[in-house]
Amino acid sequence: MGIRGLMSFVEDHSNEFFTDLKLRDTKIVIDGYALFHRLSFNSNLELRYGGDYDSFADIVQNFFESLFACNICPYVVLDGGCDISDKKLTTLKDRAREKIQMAHSLSVGGSGYVCPLLIREVFIQVLIKLQVCFVQCFSEADRDIMTLANHWNCPVLSSDSDFCIFDLKTGFCPLNSFQWRNINTIKGTQNYIPAKCFSLDAFCHHFSNMNKALLPLFAVLCGNDHINLPIMETFLSKARLPLGATSSKGRRHHRILGLLNWLSHFANPTEALDNVLKYLPKKDREHVKELLCCSMEEYQQSRVKLQDFFQCGTYVCPDALNLGLPEWVLVALAKGQLSPFISDALVLRRTILHTQVENMQQPNAHRISQPIRQIIYGLLLNASPHLDKTSRNALPPQPLAFSEMERINKNIKTSIIDAVELAKDHSDLSKLTELSLRRRQMLLLETLKVKQTILEPIPASLKLPVAVSCYWLQHTETKTKLHHLQSLLLAMLVGPLTAIINSPGKEELQEDGAKMLYAEFQRVKVQTRLGTRLDLDTAHIFCQWQSCLQMGMYLNQLLSTPLPEPDLTRLYSGSLVHGLCQQLLASTSVESLLSMCPEAKQLYEHLFNATRSYAPTEIFLPKGKSNSKKKRQKKQNTSCSKNRGRTTAHTKCWYKGNNRFGLLMVENLEEHSEASDLE
């Protein structure tokens, strides 16, 4: 984030630019995006298996409990969707490519940092559970964070080097040196967290008392997320930048040092900018000046007053209001009840499908959930007439078209996807919340191709994950096997087991069984982390499931949650699911595993019975018969797909095929006693 190389540059001069803090008894404004990335990547979490969300949730909880212990009151500010100007598109594409390379490295046993797909949603759920105040901005949050921190005269916690440029009254604490795991005590009673605070005054003093107002120009000349003009290389190559002391970090630090020394000779940004333009061809000067000035504005005060949201629940963003979006949408976005994915689709008609640790030789894992996204896009089609000009800048003039930035092999590609045209009463976004619960639930379940009666025995908190699993099973591109389904369903028992263990009213025998099963699951997780090699095909299948769950949740949120939102913190643990797969393939049976906890066994049976009628029959058959069944299935798929045309037609074709197989499944299960409900 921010200006590449600047954070390591200032940390190299830690003694000069930072002061030591004993942080306690204060408000603090936290960059939520920076925090959940830092906690995900610096807590020894397993990243290969698609996310140990339970472990991540525990770490987030520990972090905030450390703050509470020191009487630090946190206010978390999250980024929203992409900027309406789309000026960061090049940066976003570069990061998407980097993420693909890191995901590939992780998938083949190398190193890398890729956030699990649902990490943001898990983070928000923990904030809600702990009653931590948070807001989701309409677009990028940096300016709003700076403005709020200055209003409250409190520090900012982040890892974004842009906060070295902002003029913050109380300073910026980098996450690198925020020792929240190391609480100290003053006089035996007052707890504090050791931290370092960046001093903008000390920074400017180091460079000949340079004017603070010059720093935004420094940021855009250096190249930040918003601007990276190739023509600036002309200036940098022609201007003789004074290096001062030599730097050990190579070219990037040399450039930072040279620019700061050069700018320190000017009294104000206008004088400095005029001198920059002198080095450029005359024909380019006006255009470059306009771009630089526009980018420098990103470091000025924001018009958004987040204090009004935290104190009164009122979020007013002029940019969002100008778009004429429905009031309920703006409120839901600010409260984190709708994802930035939704605002990107609304404002830009473009979405980004984040790469997971998946099989790079297969089509990206998000392909399976495309029909769900087409329904989401259909609901967003007629949001506001003010959006037409905005979105048409990014897309060809197609009334139903949305674009998706997705992985193709090890690169990115933008694909054009058509929204599904919905019935008239579903096509007015402003009135979507007025639809009855029954109508909204019907649209959700029809999209997932699941009958409501199937979900009746399922606990409320697991209805959506089970419905999503039924959708996932109906798509043969997942290549799902029985042990994949079993592992997922077993992992869904962790939440109910935790509830049994923590419930005071349970009998000792029930509690002991739940504790034994929970301990076994933890043992499987640890064993998996100790060096189990990643099975790429299995990883890809579970990535597809996570994509279905993500899009199912986004659709459910857009429909004002006709099904309860699941507790993601105890729903999926990648290490557990992959470890259970290995055990079930080896020797363990589901029945023997669940024998120690009858309540868990009964719940598992409900989950299994709900999902099995949507699974292809061959996953329940012995291997020999399964192969012959696959050949017949492939033949049917080929004839079906020859006439599919668009993606939506292909989906309908698949649904009809699987519906018929579902009816045959009961007969097959009766014929083959080997395929019991549990094994």
Foldseek 3Di string as FASTA:
>chain_A
DFFPPLLVLVVVVCVQFKDKDFDAQEEEEEAQVQVLLCLQPPVPDDAQQQFQLLVSLVSLLLLVVLRVLRHYAYEYEYFFAADLVCLLVVVVQVVLLVLLVQLQQSLQPHHHRDDRPCSVVLSLVSCVVVVRHYWYDNHGCPQVSQQQCQVRVHEYEGQHCVQLLAPHNNFYWYPVFFQSVDWDDDPPPRITTITMGGDNQSVCVVQVVADSQCSLLLRQLSPTSRHDDPQSVLLVVPDDFDQPDDDPPPDSSSSSSRSSNVRSVDRHNVVVLVVSLVSGPPVCSVVVVVSSVVSSCVNDHAPWNCVCCVVPVDTDHPVVVLLVFAPVVVSCNTSVLAHSQLSCCQQQLEGEDHAGSADLVDAGLLVLQVLLVLQSSQLNLPGGPSRPVSNCVNDPPDSFWGWYWYDRRSRTDIDIDGHDHDDPCSRYLNCLQVDDLVVLVVVLLVSLVADPVLQVVAPLQCSLLLSLLLSLQLDCVLVDAPLLVLLQLLLQCQVVLVCQCPDPPHDPLQNVLSVVLNVVLVVLLVVLVPDPNDDNSSSSSVSSSVSSSVSSSNSCSSSVNSGDHHNPSRRDGSSSSVSSSVVCVPDDWQCVSNVSHVVSVVNSLSSLSSRVLSHQLLSQDPPVVSVVVVVVVVVQLVVQVVPQPHPVSSSVSSSVVSNVRSVCNVVVCVVDVVRDSTD
